[in-house]
């Protein structure tokens, strides 16, 4: 999966989406998805269209466990042959559930893009 495919898949869920770690003010919504990269691994094989394998954390913050959009995200990933281990944290104080997993995607890191 490429980063572009990941972003498109996340957008298909039609929930608030941010490419950053969650902020305290983001937890009031019914559900919200955050994602950010935390590992870059160079791909050294010749002939690759991408130069980096990038690991992202995908965080889903919801008002209840097993939110339908989280289940939809899992199903979409599974249909693409991706089966991440999804972990859950329950915060009694905020009454929110934080579900999260990592996913590796292909990217071109460090290439100059003309805007």
N, C-alpha and C. Protein backbone atom coordinates (compact mmCIF):
# COMPACT_ATOMS: atom_id res chain seq x y z
N UNK A 1 0.85 -1.17 0.00
CA UNK A 1 0.00 0.00 0.00
C UNK A 1 0.90 1.24 0.00
N UNK A 2 0.50 2.23 -0.74
CA UNK A 2 1.21 3.50 -0.77
C UNK A 2 0.54 4.47 0.21
N UNK A 3 1.22 5.56 0.50
CA UNK A 3 0.62 6.57 1.38
C UNK A 3 -0.65 7.13 0.75
N UNK A 4 -0.62 7.37 -0.55
CA UNK A 4 -1.80 7.90 -1.24
C UNK A 4 -2.99 6.96 -1.07
N UNK A 5 -2.75 5.65 -1.18
CA UNK A 5 -3.83 4.68 -1.01
C UNK A 5 -4.33 4.67 0.43
N UNK A 6 -3.41 4.80 1.39
CA UNK A 6 -3.81 4.86 2.80
C UNK A 6 -4.71 6.06 3.05
N UNK A 7 -4.29 7.23 2.60
CA UNK A 7 -5.08 8.45 2.82
C UNK A 7 -6.45 8.32 2.16
N UNK A 8 -6.50 7.80 0.96
CA UNK A 8 -7.78 7.62 0.27
C UNK A 8 -8.69 6.68 1.05
N UNK A 9 -8.14 5.58 1.55
CA UNK A 9 -8.92 4.62 2.33
C UNK A 9 -9.47 5.29 3.59
N UNK A 10 -8.65 6.08 4.28
CA UNK A 10 -9.10 6.76 5.49
C UNK A 10 -10.18 7.80 5.17
N UNK A 11 -10.03 8.51 4.06
CA UNK A 11 -11.02 9.52 3.67
C UNK A 11 -12.37 8.88 3.33
N UNK A 12 -12.36 7.66 2.82
CA UNK A 12 -13.60 6.96 2.48
C UNK A 12 -14.50 6.74 3.69
N UNK A 13 -13.93 6.80 4.89
CA UNK A 13 -14.70 6.59 6.11
C UNK A 13 -15.58 7.79 6.47
N UNK A 14 -15.29 8.95 5.87
CA UNK A 14 -16.07 10.17 6.12
C UNK A 14 -16.14 10.53 7.61
N UNK A 15 -14.97 10.53 8.25
CA UNK A 15 -14.86 10.99 9.64
C UNK A 15 -13.74 12.03 9.68
N UNK A 16 -13.72 12.90 10.69
CA UNK A 16 -12.62 13.86 10.80
C UNK A 16 -11.27 13.14 10.80
N UNK A 17 -10.32 13.68 10.03
CA UNK A 17 -9.04 13.03 9.80
C UNK A 17 -7.93 14.06 9.89
N UNK A 18 -6.86 13.73 10.63
CA UNK A 18 -5.72 14.63 10.76
C UNK A 18 -4.43 13.84 10.65
N UNK A 19 -3.46 14.40 9.93
CA UNK A 19 -2.14 13.79 9.86
C UNK A 19 -1.26 14.43 10.94
N UNK A 20 -1.55 14.06 12.18
CA UNK A 20 -0.80 14.54 13.34
C UNK A 20 -1.25 13.73 14.56
N UNK A 21 -0.50 13.84 15.63
CA UNK A 21 -0.93 13.17 16.85
C UNK A 21 -2.12 13.91 17.45
N UNK A 22 -2.97 13.21 18.21
CA UNK A 22 -4.18 13.84 18.75
C UNK A 22 -3.86 14.96 19.72
N UNK A 23 -4.72 15.96 19.71
CA UNK A 23 -4.63 17.07 20.66
C UNK A 23 -5.78 16.92 21.66
N UNK A 24 -5.62 17.51 22.82
CA UNK A 24 -6.65 17.40 23.87
C UNK A 24 -8.02 17.85 23.39
N UNK A 25 -8.08 18.85 22.51
CA UNK A 25 -9.35 19.38 22.05
C UNK A 25 -10.05 18.48 21.03
N UNK A 26 -9.36 17.45 20.54
CA UNK A 26 -9.93 16.58 19.52
C UNK A 26 -10.81 15.47 20.09
N UNK A 27 -10.83 15.30 21.40
CA UNK A 27 -11.51 14.14 21.96
C UNK A 27 -13.01 14.33 22.15
N UNK A 28 -13.53 15.49 21.88
CA UNK A 28 -14.96 15.73 22.08
C UNK A 28 -15.83 15.20 20.94
N UNK A 29 -15.23 14.91 19.81
CA UNK A 29 -16.01 14.43 18.67
C UNK A 29 -16.38 12.96 18.88
N UNK A 30 -17.44 12.53 18.19
CA UNK A 30 -17.89 11.13 18.29
C UNK A 30 -16.75 10.19 17.92
N UNK A 31 -16.08 10.51 16.83
CA UNK A 31 -14.96 9.69 16.37
C UNK A 31 -14.03 10.57 15.56
N UNK A 32 -12.76 10.27 15.64
CA UNK A 32 -11.75 11.02 14.90
C UNK A 32 -10.57 10.10 14.64
N UNK A 33 -9.95 10.27 13.47
CA UNK A 33 -8.78 9.46 13.12
C UNK A 33 -7.57 10.38 12.98
N UNK A 34 -6.48 9.96 13.59
CA UNK A 34 -5.19 10.65 13.47
C UNK A 34 -4.18 9.64 12.94
N UNK A 35 -3.24 10.10 12.14
CA UNK A 35 -2.16 9.22 11.70
C UNK A 35 -0.89 10.03 11.53
N UNK A 36 0.24 9.40 11.81
CA UNK A 36 1.53 10.06 11.67
C UNK A 36 2.61 9.01 11.49
N UNK A 37 3.69 9.41 10.83
CA UNK A 37 4.80 8.48 10.61
C UNK A 37 5.77 8.53 11.77
N UNK A 38 6.40 7.38 12.03
CA UNK A 38 7.39 7.35 13.10
C UNK A 38 8.61 6.48 12.78
N UNK A 39 8.61 5.79 11.65
CA UNK A 39 9.79 5.03 11.22
C UNK A 39 9.95 5.18 9.72
N UNK A 40 11.17 5.51 9.29
CA UNK A 40 11.52 5.53 7.87
C UNK A 40 12.59 4.48 7.65
N UNK A 41 12.36 3.58 6.71
CA UNK A 41 13.35 2.56 6.37
C UNK A 41 13.63 2.65 4.87
N UNK A 42 14.88 2.96 4.53
CA UNK A 42 15.24 3.07 3.12
C UNK A 42 15.07 1.74 2.41
N UNK A 43 14.59 1.82 1.18
CA UNK A 43 14.50 0.65 0.31
C UNK A 43 15.69 0.74 -0.63
N UNK A 44 16.57 -0.25 -0.57
CA UNK A 44 17.80 -0.17 -1.35
C UNK A 44 17.77 -1.02 -2.62
N UNK A 45 16.70 -1.77 -2.82
CA UNK A 45 16.62 -2.59 -4.02
C UNK A 45 16.50 -1.71 -5.26
N UNK A 46 17.23 -2.05 -6.28
CA UNK A 46 17.15 -1.27 -7.51
C UNK A 46 15.83 -1.55 -8.23
N UNK A 47 15.38 -0.58 -8.96
CA UNK A 47 14.16 -0.74 -9.75
C UNK A 47 12.88 -0.45 -8.98
N UNK A 48 12.99 -0.06 -7.72
CA UNK A 48 11.79 0.24 -6.94
C UNK A 48 11.26 1.61 -7.31
N UNK A 49 9.94 1.74 -7.40
CA UNK A 49 9.31 3.04 -7.66
C UNK A 49 9.27 3.91 -6.41
N UNK A 50 9.52 3.32 -5.26
CA UNK A 50 9.49 4.03 -3.99
C UNK A 50 10.84 3.85 -3.30
N UNK A 51 11.25 4.87 -2.53
CA UNK A 51 12.56 4.78 -1.90
C UNK A 51 12.51 4.54 -0.40
N UNK A 52 11.30 4.53 0.20
CA UNK A 52 11.21 4.40 1.65
C UNK A 52 9.99 3.59 2.07
N UNK A 53 10.21 2.70 3.03
CA UNK A 53 9.12 2.00 3.69
C UNK A 53 8.83 2.79 4.97
N UNK A 54 7.65 3.38 5.08
CA UNK A 54 7.32 4.27 6.19
C UNK A 54 6.26 3.61 7.07
N UNK A 55 6.53 3.60 8.38
CA UNK A 55 5.56 3.05 9.33
C UNK A 55 4.75 4.19 9.94
N UNK A 56 3.44 4.05 9.86
CA UNK A 56 2.50 5.03 10.42
C UNK A 56 1.78 4.43 11.61
N UNK A 57 1.47 5.28 12.58
CA UNK A 57 0.51 4.90 13.60
C UNK A 57 -0.83 5.46 13.15
N UNK A 58 -1.84 4.63 13.19
CA UNK A 58 -3.21 5.04 12.91
C UNK A 58 -3.94 4.99 14.25
N UNK A 59 -4.48 6.13 14.69
CA UNK A 59 -5.20 6.21 15.96
C UNK A 59 -6.65 6.59 15.69
N UNK A 60 -7.54 5.82 16.27
CA UNK A 60 -8.97 6.09 16.17
C UNK A 60 -9.47 6.38 17.58
N UNK A 61 -9.96 7.58 17.78
CA UNK A 61 -10.49 7.98 19.09
C UNK A 61 -12.01 8.06 18.94
N UNK A 62 -12.70 7.27 19.74
CA UNK A 62 -14.16 7.18 19.58
C UNK A 62 -14.86 7.26 20.93
N UNK A 63 -16.16 7.49 20.87
CA UNK A 63 -16.96 7.62 22.08
C UNK A 63 -17.46 6.28 22.61
N UNK A 64 -17.14 5.19 21.90
CA UNK A 64 -17.56 3.86 22.37
C UNK A 64 -16.65 2.79 21.78
N UNK A 65 -16.56 1.66 22.45
CA UNK A 65 -15.77 0.55 21.90
C UNK A 65 -16.41 0.01 20.62
N UNK A 66 -15.60 -0.53 19.77
CA UNK A 66 -16.08 -1.16 18.53
C UNK A 66 -16.99 -0.24 17.72
N UNK A 67 -16.60 1.01 17.63
CA UNK A 67 -17.36 1.97 16.83
C UNK A 67 -17.51 1.43 15.41
N UNK A 68 -18.65 1.66 14.80
CA UNK A 68 -18.91 1.11 13.46
C UNK A 68 -17.86 1.55 12.44
N UNK A 69 -17.35 2.78 12.57
CA UNK A 69 -16.33 3.25 11.62
C UNK A 69 -15.00 2.54 11.83
N UNK A 70 -14.67 2.18 13.07
CA UNK A 70 -13.47 1.39 13.33
C UNK A 70 -13.61 0.01 12.70
N UNK A 71 -14.77 -0.59 12.85
CA UNK A 71 -15.01 -1.90 12.24
C UNK A 71 -14.97 -1.81 10.71
N UNK A 72 -15.48 -0.71 10.16
CA UNK A 72 -15.42 -0.50 8.72
C UNK A 72 -13.98 -0.35 8.25
N UNK A 73 -13.17 0.39 9.01
CA UNK A 73 -11.75 0.53 8.68
C UNK A 73 -11.06 -0.83 8.70
N UNK A 74 -11.30 -1.62 9.72
CA UNK A 74 -10.72 -2.96 9.80
C UNK A 74 -11.11 -3.80 8.58
N UNK A 75 -12.38 -3.75 8.22
CA UNK A 75 -12.86 -4.53 7.08
C UNK A 75 -12.20 -4.08 5.77
N UNK A 76 -12.06 -2.76 5.59
CA UNK A 76 -11.42 -2.23 4.38
C UNK A 76 -9.96 -2.67 4.30
N UNK A 77 -9.25 -2.64 5.42
CA UNK A 77 -7.86 -3.08 5.44
C UNK A 77 -7.77 -4.58 5.14
N UNK A 78 -8.64 -5.36 5.79
CA UNK A 78 -8.64 -6.81 5.56
C UNK A 78 -8.92 -7.14 4.10
N UNK A 79 -9.83 -6.39 3.46
CA UNK A 79 -10.14 -6.62 2.04
C UNK A 79 -8.95 -6.33 1.14
N UNK A 80 -8.00 -5.52 1.63
CA UNK A 80 -6.79 -5.23 0.87
C UNK A 80 -5.64 -6.17 1.25
N UNK A 81 -5.95 -7.18 2.07
CA UNK A 81 -4.94 -8.14 2.49
C UNK A 81 -4.06 -7.65 3.63
N UNK A 82 -4.52 -6.64 4.36
CA UNK A 82 -3.78 -6.08 5.49
C UNK A 82 -4.49 -6.45 6.78
N UNK A 83 -3.74 -7.00 7.74
CA UNK A 83 -4.33 -7.51 8.97
C UNK A 83 -3.56 -6.99 10.19
N UNK A 84 -3.67 -5.69 10.48
CA UNK A 84 -2.91 -5.13 11.60
C UNK A 84 -3.44 -5.63 12.94
N UNK A 85 -2.55 -5.64 13.93
CA UNK A 85 -2.96 -5.92 15.31
C UNK A 85 -3.47 -4.60 15.88
N UNK A 86 -4.74 -4.56 16.24
CA UNK A 86 -5.36 -3.33 16.75
C UNK A 86 -5.43 -3.41 18.27
N UNK A 87 -4.85 -2.42 18.92
CA UNK A 87 -4.85 -2.33 20.38
C UNK A 87 -5.86 -1.28 20.82
N UNK A 88 -6.31 -1.39 22.08
CA UNK A 88 -7.34 -0.48 22.60
C UNK A 88 -6.96 0.01 23.99
N UNK A 89 -7.22 1.28 24.23
CA UNK A 89 -7.07 1.88 25.56
C UNK A 89 -8.40 2.53 25.90
N UNK A 90 -8.87 2.31 27.10
CA UNK A 90 -10.11 2.93 27.56
C UNK A 90 -9.75 4.00 28.58
N UNK A 91 -10.24 5.21 28.36
CA UNK A 91 -9.98 6.31 29.27
C UNK A 91 -11.28 6.63 30.01
N UNK A 92 -11.35 6.23 31.27
CA UNK A 92 -12.57 6.44 32.07
C UNK A 92 -12.87 7.91 32.27
N UNK A 93 -11.83 8.73 32.41
CA UNK A 93 -12.03 10.15 32.67
C UNK A 93 -12.70 10.87 31.50
N UNK A 94 -12.25 10.58 30.29
CA UNK A 94 -12.82 11.23 29.11
C UNK A 94 -13.93 10.41 28.46
N UNK A 95 -14.09 9.18 28.92
CA UNK A 95 -15.07 8.25 28.34
C UNK A 95 -14.84 8.05 26.84
N UNK A 96 -13.57 7.92 26.49
CA UNK A 96 -13.19 7.69 25.10
C UNK A 96 -12.40 6.39 24.99
N UNK A 97 -12.45 5.81 23.82
CA UNK A 97 -11.67 4.62 23.52
C UNK A 97 -10.66 4.99 22.45
N UNK A 98 -9.41 4.68 22.71
CA UNK A 98 -8.33 4.94 21.75
C UNK A 98 -7.92 3.59 21.18
N UNK A 99 -8.22 3.37 19.91
CA UNK A 99 -7.81 2.15 19.20
C UNK A 99 -6.69 2.54 18.26
N UNK A 100 -5.65 1.74 18.20
CA UNK A 100 -4.49 2.13 17.40
C UNK A 100 -3.75 0.92 16.85
N UNK A 101 -3.06 1.16 15.75
CA UNK A 101 -2.25 0.12 15.12
C UNK A 101 -1.21 0.78 14.23
N UNK A 102 -0.21 0.00 13.86
CA UNK A 102 0.80 0.50 12.93
C UNK A 102 0.58 -0.13 11.56
N UNK A 103 1.03 0.58 10.53
CA UNK A 103 0.88 0.12 9.17
C UNK A 103 2.06 0.63 8.35
N UNK A 104 2.69 -0.25 7.59
CA UNK A 104 3.80 0.15 6.73
C UNK A 104 3.27 0.48 5.35
N UNK A 105 3.74 1.61 4.81
CA UNK A 105 3.34 2.03 3.46
C UNK A 105 4.59 2.44 2.69
N UNK A 106 4.46 2.49 1.39
CA UNK A 106 5.56 2.89 0.52
C UNK A 106 5.45 4.37 0.18
N UNK A 107 6.58 5.07 0.25
CA UNK A 107 6.62 6.50 -0.07
C UNK A 107 7.95 6.84 -0.72
N UNK A 108 7.98 7.99 -1.35
CA UNK A 108 9.23 8.58 -1.81
C UNK A 108 9.56 9.71 -0.86
N UNK A 109 10.46 9.46 0.05
CA UNK A 109 10.87 10.45 1.05
C UNK A 109 12.10 11.20 0.53
N UNK A 110 12.06 12.50 0.65
CA UNK A 110 13.23 13.29 0.31
C UNK A 110 13.31 13.73 -1.15
N UNK A 111 12.34 13.34 -1.96
CA UNK A 111 12.35 13.78 -3.35
C UNK A 111 11.78 15.19 -3.43
N UNK A 112 12.37 15.99 -4.25
CA UNK A 112 11.91 17.37 -4.45
C UNK A 112 10.68 17.35 -5.34
N UNK A 113 9.63 17.98 -4.85
CA UNK A 113 8.38 18.05 -5.60
C UNK A 113 8.14 19.52 -5.97
N UNK A 114 7.91 19.77 -7.24
CA UNK A 114 7.58 21.13 -7.69
C UNK A 114 6.12 21.41 -7.39
N UNK A 115 5.89 22.47 -6.64
CA UNK A 115 4.50 22.81 -6.30
C UNK A 115 4.00 23.93 -7.13
